[in-house]
Amino acid sequence: MFHRACVQIDTLQKACIQIDTLRRACVQIDTFHRDSIQTDILHRACTQTDIVRRARVQIGTFHRTCIQTDTLYRAYIQSDILHRTCIQTGTLRRACIKIDPFIEFLLN
């Protein structure tokens, strides 16, 4: 009777070891899950950075377009016939000047 009780205790002890091993496995899985989440968060951060970078490129392209428009504006000053177009271009040029501080902020 005592021997059977010892065997049962030993079996229970083995079951506890298995449960403990399983618990450690769960902790490792949980750690891996957290690592995966962090990797995913990092990936999202990289994606957002890439989106910001693309936005900067687009703003840079727009800025270049504005500079070209400014050059065009100077050419239009020489023509009275295109005076109205020059005024509109001047308005765009002023808009570009307002965007410039924003571009400097992004580039810094």
N, C-alpha and C. Protein backbone atom coordinates (compact mmCIF):
# COMPACT_ATOMS: atom_id res chain seq x y z
N MET A 1 0.83 -1.18 0.00
CA MET A 1 0.00 0.00 0.00
C MET A 1 0.88 1.25 0.00
N PHE A 2 1.89 1.24 0.86
CA PHE A 2 2.81 2.38 0.95
C PHE A 2 3.60 2.50 -0.36
N HIS A 3 3.96 1.34 -0.92
CA HIS A 3 4.72 1.34 -2.18
C HIS A 3 3.89 1.97 -3.29
N ARG A 4 2.60 1.60 -3.36
CA ARG A 4 1.72 2.18 -4.36
C ARG A 4 1.59 3.68 -4.16
N ALA A 5 1.50 4.11 -2.92
CA ALA A 5 1.40 5.54 -2.63
C ALA A 5 2.66 6.26 -3.11
N CYS A 6 3.83 5.64 -2.89
CA CYS A 6 5.09 6.23 -3.36
C CYS A 6 5.13 6.31 -4.87
N VAL A 7 4.65 5.24 -5.52
CA VAL A 7 4.61 5.23 -6.98
C VAL A 7 3.69 6.35 -7.46
N GLN A 8 2.54 6.50 -6.80
CA GLN A 8 1.61 7.55 -7.19
C GLN A 8 2.22 8.94 -6.96
N ILE A 9 2.94 9.10 -5.85
CA ILE A 9 3.61 10.38 -5.57
C ILE A 9 4.67 10.62 -6.64
N ASP A 10 5.41 9.56 -6.99
CA ASP A 10 6.44 9.68 -8.01
C ASP A 10 5.81 10.06 -9.36
N THR A 11 4.66 9.43 -9.67
CA THR A 11 3.94 9.74 -10.90
C THR A 11 3.48 11.20 -10.86
N LEU A 12 2.97 11.60 -9.70
CA LEU A 12 2.52 12.98 -9.53
C LEU A 12 3.70 13.95 -9.70
N GLN A 13 4.85 13.54 -9.17
CA GLN A 13 6.05 14.38 -9.30
C GLN A 13 6.44 14.51 -10.77
N LYS A 14 6.38 13.37 -11.50
CA LYS A 14 6.69 13.42 -12.94
C LYS A 14 5.70 14.33 -13.67
N ALA A 15 4.42 14.22 -13.28
CA ALA A 15 3.40 15.08 -13.89
C ALA A 15 3.71 16.54 -13.61
N CYS A 16 4.16 16.84 -12.38
CA CYS A 16 4.51 18.22 -12.02
C CYS A 16 5.70 18.70 -12.84
N ILE A 17 6.67 17.82 -13.05
CA ILE A 17 7.84 18.17 -13.88
C ILE A 17 7.38 18.47 -15.30
N GLN A 18 6.48 17.63 -15.81
CA GLN A 18 5.96 17.87 -17.16
C GLN A 18 5.21 19.19 -17.23
N ILE A 19 4.40 19.45 -16.20
CA ILE A 19 3.66 20.72 -16.16
C ILE A 19 4.64 21.89 -16.10
N ASP A 20 5.69 21.74 -15.29
CA ASP A 20 6.70 22.80 -15.18
C ASP A 20 7.41 23.01 -16.53
N THR A 21 7.72 21.90 -17.20
CA THR A 21 8.35 21.99 -18.52
C THR A 21 7.42 22.69 -19.50
N LEU A 22 6.15 22.30 -19.43
CA LEU A 22 5.15 22.92 -20.29
C LEU A 22 5.04 24.41 -19.98
N ARG A 23 5.09 24.73 -18.67
CA ARG A 23 5.02 26.14 -18.27
C ARG A 23 6.21 26.91 -18.84
N ARG A 24 7.39 26.32 -18.78
CA ARG A 24 8.58 26.96 -19.36
C ARG A 24 8.42 27.14 -20.86
N ALA A 25 7.87 26.14 -21.50
CA ALA A 25 7.62 26.23 -22.95
C ALA A 25 6.66 27.38 -23.24
N CYS A 26 5.63 27.51 -22.39
CA CYS A 26 4.66 28.59 -22.57
C CYS A 26 5.33 29.95 -22.39
N VAL A 27 6.21 30.04 -21.41
CA VAL A 27 6.95 31.29 -21.18
C VAL A 27 7.79 31.61 -22.41
N GLN A 28 8.44 30.59 -22.96
CA GLN A 28 9.26 30.80 -24.16
C GLN A 28 8.39 31.22 -25.34
N ILE A 29 7.24 30.58 -25.47
CA ILE A 29 6.31 30.95 -26.55
C ILE A 29 5.83 32.37 -26.35
N ASP A 30 5.53 32.72 -25.09
CA ASP A 30 5.09 34.08 -24.79
C ASP A 30 6.19 35.09 -25.10
N THR A 31 7.42 34.74 -24.74
CA THR A 31 8.55 35.62 -25.05
C THR A 31 8.70 35.77 -26.55
N PHE A 32 8.58 34.65 -27.26
CA PHE A 32 8.68 34.69 -28.72
C PHE A 32 7.55 35.54 -29.30
N HIS A 33 6.35 35.39 -28.70
CA HIS A 33 5.20 36.18 -29.16
C HIS A 33 5.47 37.67 -28.96
N ARG A 34 6.04 38.01 -27.80
CA ARG A 34 6.37 39.42 -27.54
C ARG A 34 7.42 39.91 -28.53
N ASP A 35 8.43 39.07 -28.78
CA ASP A 35 9.45 39.42 -29.76
C ASP A 35 8.82 39.65 -31.13
N SER A 36 7.88 38.76 -31.48
CA SER A 36 7.19 38.89 -32.77
C SER A 36 6.41 40.19 -32.83
N ILE A 37 5.74 40.52 -31.73
CA ILE A 37 4.97 41.77 -31.68
C ILE A 37 5.92 42.95 -31.83
N GLN A 38 7.06 42.90 -31.12
CA GLN A 38 8.03 43.99 -31.23
C GLN A 38 8.57 44.10 -32.65
N THR A 39 8.83 42.95 -33.27
CA THR A 39 9.29 42.95 -34.65
C THR A 39 8.23 43.57 -35.56
N ASP A 40 6.97 43.21 -35.30
CA ASP A 40 5.87 43.77 -36.09
C ASP A 40 5.77 45.28 -35.87
N ILE A 41 5.92 45.71 -34.60
CA ILE A 41 5.87 47.14 -34.30
C ILE A 41 7.04 47.85 -35.00
N LEU A 42 8.21 47.23 -34.96
CA LEU A 42 9.37 47.79 -35.64
C LEU A 42 9.12 47.87 -37.13
N HIS A 43 8.50 46.82 -37.68
CA HIS A 43 8.17 46.81 -39.10
C HIS A 43 7.21 47.95 -39.44
N ARG A 44 6.21 48.13 -38.57
CA ARG A 44 5.26 49.23 -38.80
C ARG A 44 5.97 50.57 -38.72
N ALA A 45 6.89 50.69 -37.73
CA ALA A 45 7.64 51.94 -37.60
C ALA A 45 8.47 52.19 -38.86
N CYS A 46 9.09 51.13 -39.39
CA CYS A 46 9.88 51.26 -40.62
C CYS A 46 8.98 51.66 -41.78
N THR A 47 7.80 51.06 -41.83
CA THR A 47 6.85 51.39 -42.89
C THR A 47 6.44 52.85 -42.79
N GLN A 48 6.17 53.30 -41.55
CA GLN A 48 5.79 54.70 -41.35
C GLN A 48 6.94 55.62 -41.73
N THR A 49 8.16 55.23 -41.36
CA THR A 49 9.34 56.02 -41.73
C THR A 49 9.46 56.09 -43.24
N ASP A 50 9.19 54.96 -43.90
CA ASP A 50 9.25 54.91 -45.36
C ASP A 50 8.19 55.83 -45.96
N ILE A 51 7.00 55.84 -45.35
CA ILE A 51 5.92 56.72 -45.83
C ILE A 51 6.35 58.18 -45.66
N VAL A 52 6.95 58.49 -44.50
CA VAL A 52 7.44 59.85 -44.28
C VAL A 52 8.51 60.19 -45.30
N ARG A 53 9.41 59.22 -45.57
CA ARG A 53 10.47 59.45 -46.54
C ARG A 53 9.86 59.72 -47.91
N ARG A 54 8.85 58.92 -48.28
CA ARG A 54 8.19 59.15 -49.57
C ARG A 54 7.52 60.51 -49.60
N ALA A 55 6.92 60.90 -48.46
CA ALA A 55 6.29 62.22 -48.39
C ALA A 55 7.33 63.31 -48.60
N ARG A 56 8.52 63.13 -48.00
CA ARG A 56 9.58 64.11 -48.18
C ARG A 56 10.01 64.19 -49.64
N VAL A 57 10.09 63.03 -50.27
CA VAL A 57 10.47 63.01 -51.69
C VAL A 57 9.40 63.74 -52.51
N GLN A 58 8.14 63.47 -52.20
CA GLN A 58 7.05 64.15 -52.91
C GLN A 58 7.09 65.64 -52.66
N ILE A 59 7.33 66.03 -51.41
CA ILE A 59 7.42 67.45 -51.09
C ILE A 59 8.62 68.06 -51.81
N GLY A 60 9.73 67.32 -51.83
CA GLY A 60 10.91 67.78 -52.55
C GLY A 60 10.62 67.97 -54.03
N THR A 61 9.88 67.03 -54.60
CA THR A 61 9.51 67.12 -56.02
C THR A 61 8.61 68.33 -56.23
N PHE A 62 7.66 68.53 -55.31
CA PHE A 62 6.77 69.68 -55.39
C PHE A 62 7.56 70.97 -55.26
N HIS A 63 8.54 70.96 -54.36
CA HIS A 63 9.39 72.13 -54.15
C HIS A 63 10.15 72.45 -55.44
N ARG A 64 10.67 71.40 -56.10
CA ARG A 64 11.38 71.62 -57.37
C ARG A 64 10.42 72.17 -58.43
N THR A 65 9.18 71.65 -58.42
CA THR A 65 8.17 72.16 -59.36
C THR A 65 7.92 73.64 -59.09
N CYS A 66 7.86 74.00 -57.82
CA CYS A 66 7.63 75.40 -57.45
C CYS A 66 8.80 76.27 -57.90
N ILE A 67 10.01 75.74 -57.74
CA ILE A 67 11.19 76.49 -58.19
C ILE A 67 11.11 76.69 -59.71
N GLN A 68 10.71 75.64 -60.41
CA GLN A 68 10.56 75.77 -61.86
C GLN A 68 9.47 76.78 -62.20
N THR A 69 8.39 76.76 -61.41
CA THR A 69 7.31 77.72 -61.62
C THR A 69 7.82 79.13 -61.39
N ASP A 70 8.69 79.29 -60.37
CA ASP A 70 9.27 80.60 -60.09
C ASP A 70 10.11 81.08 -61.29
N THR A 71 10.85 80.16 -61.89
CA THR A 71 11.64 80.50 -63.09
C THR A 71 10.70 80.90 -64.21
N LEU A 72 9.61 80.17 -64.34
CA LEU A 72 8.61 80.48 -65.36
C LEU A 72 8.00 81.85 -65.07
N TYR A 73 7.77 82.13 -63.82
CA TYR A 73 7.20 83.42 -63.40
C TYR A 73 8.10 84.57 -63.86
N ARG A 74 9.39 84.41 -63.69
CA ARG A 74 10.32 85.45 -64.13
C ARG A 74 10.24 85.67 -65.64
N ALA A 75 10.07 84.56 -66.36
CA ALA A 75 9.94 84.69 -67.81
C ALA A 75 8.64 85.40 -68.18
N TYR A 76 7.59 85.16 -67.40
CA TYR A 76 6.29 85.77 -67.71
C TYR A 76 6.29 87.28 -67.45
N ILE A 77 7.14 87.76 -66.58
CA ILE A 77 7.18 89.19 -66.28
C ILE A 77 7.46 89.99 -67.57
N GLN A 78 8.19 89.37 -68.46
CA GLN A 78 8.58 90.06 -69.69
C GLN A 78 7.42 90.18 -70.68
N SER A 79 6.31 89.54 -70.41
CA SER A 79 5.20 89.57 -71.37
C SER A 79 3.94 90.13 -70.73
N ASP A 80 3.41 91.23 -71.32
CA ASP A 80 2.16 91.83 -70.83
C ASP A 80 0.96 90.95 -71.14
N ILE A 81 1.01 90.20 -72.21
CA ILE A 81 -0.12 89.37 -72.63
C ILE A 81 -0.38 88.28 -71.58
N LEU A 82 0.69 87.74 -70.96
CA LEU A 82 0.53 86.66 -69.99
C LEU A 82 0.52 87.19 -68.56
N HIS A 83 0.18 88.46 -68.41
CA HIS A 83 0.22 89.09 -67.09
C HIS A 83 -0.67 88.37 -66.07
N ARG A 84 -1.89 87.99 -66.49
CA ARG A 84 -2.82 87.31 -65.58
C ARG A 84 -2.25 85.96 -65.12
N THR A 85 -1.65 85.26 -66.04
CA THR A 85 -1.02 83.99 -65.69
C THR A 85 0.13 84.22 -64.72
N CYS A 86 0.83 85.32 -64.90
CA CYS A 86 1.94 85.65 -63.99
C CYS A 86 1.43 85.86 -62.57
N ILE A 87 0.29 86.52 -62.45
CA ILE A 87 -0.27 86.77 -61.12
C ILE A 87 -0.61 85.44 -60.45
N GLN A 88 -1.22 84.52 -61.20
CA GLN A 88 -1.55 83.21 -60.66
C GLN A 88 -0.28 82.46 -60.26
N THR A 89 0.73 82.56 -61.09
CA THR A 89 1.99 81.89 -60.79
C THR A 89 2.63 82.52 -59.56
N GLY A 90 2.48 83.84 -59.43
CA GLY A 90 2.99 84.54 -58.25
C GLY A 90 2.30 84.04 -56.99
N THR A 91 1.00 83.75 -57.08
CA THR A 91 0.26 83.21 -55.94
C THR A 91 0.82 81.84 -55.58
N LEU A 92 1.11 81.02 -56.58
CA LEU A 92 1.70 79.71 -56.34
C LEU A 92 3.08 79.86 -55.73
N ARG A 93 3.82 80.86 -56.20
CA ARG A 93 5.15 81.11 -55.67
C ARG A 93 5.06 81.48 -54.20
N ARG A 94 4.08 82.31 -53.84
CA ARG A 94 3.91 82.66 -52.43
C ARG A 94 3.55 81.43 -51.60
N ALA A 95 2.74 80.54 -52.17
CA ALA A 95 2.39 79.29 -51.48
C ALA A 95 3.65 78.47 -51.26
N CYS A 96 4.55 78.47 -52.24
CA CYS A 96 5.80 77.72 -52.09
C CYS A 96 6.65 78.29 -50.98
N ILE A 97 6.66 79.61 -50.86
CA ILE A 97 7.44 80.24 -49.80
C ILE A 97 6.89 79.82 -48.44
N LYS A 98 5.58 79.68 -48.33
CA LYS A 98 4.97 79.24 -47.08
C LYS A 98 5.31 77.78 -46.78
N ILE A 99 5.50 77.00 -47.81
CA ILE A 99 5.83 75.58 -47.62
C ILE A 99 7.30 75.41 -47.22
N ASP A 100 8.17 76.32 -47.65
CA ASP A 100 9.61 76.20 -47.40
C ASP A 100 9.97 75.92 -45.94
N PRO A 101 9.44 76.66 -44.94
CA PRO A 101 9.80 76.34 -43.54
C PRO A 101 9.41 74.91 -43.17
N PHE A 102 8.29 74.43 -43.71
CA PHE A 102 7.85 73.07 -43.44
C PHE A 102 8.85 72.08 -44.02
N ILE A 103 9.37 72.36 -45.21
CA ILE A 103 10.36 71.48 -45.85
C ILE A 103 11.63 71.46 -45.00
N GLU A 104 12.05 72.64 -44.53
CA GLU A 104 13.25 72.70 -43.68
C GLU A 104 13.05 71.87 -42.42
N PHE A 105 11.84 71.94 -41.83
CA PHE A 105 11.55 71.15 -40.64
C PHE A 105 11.67 69.66 -40.93
N LEU A 106 11.14 69.22 -42.07
CA LEU A 106 11.19 67.80 -42.41
C LEU A 106 12.62 67.33 -42.68
N LEU A 107 13.39 68.17 -43.33
CA LEU A 107 14.74 67.76 -43.69
C LEU A 107 15.69 67.77 -42.51
N ASN A 108 15.37 68.56 -41.49
CA ASN A 108 16.21 68.57 -40.28
C ASN A 108 15.75 67.51 -39.39
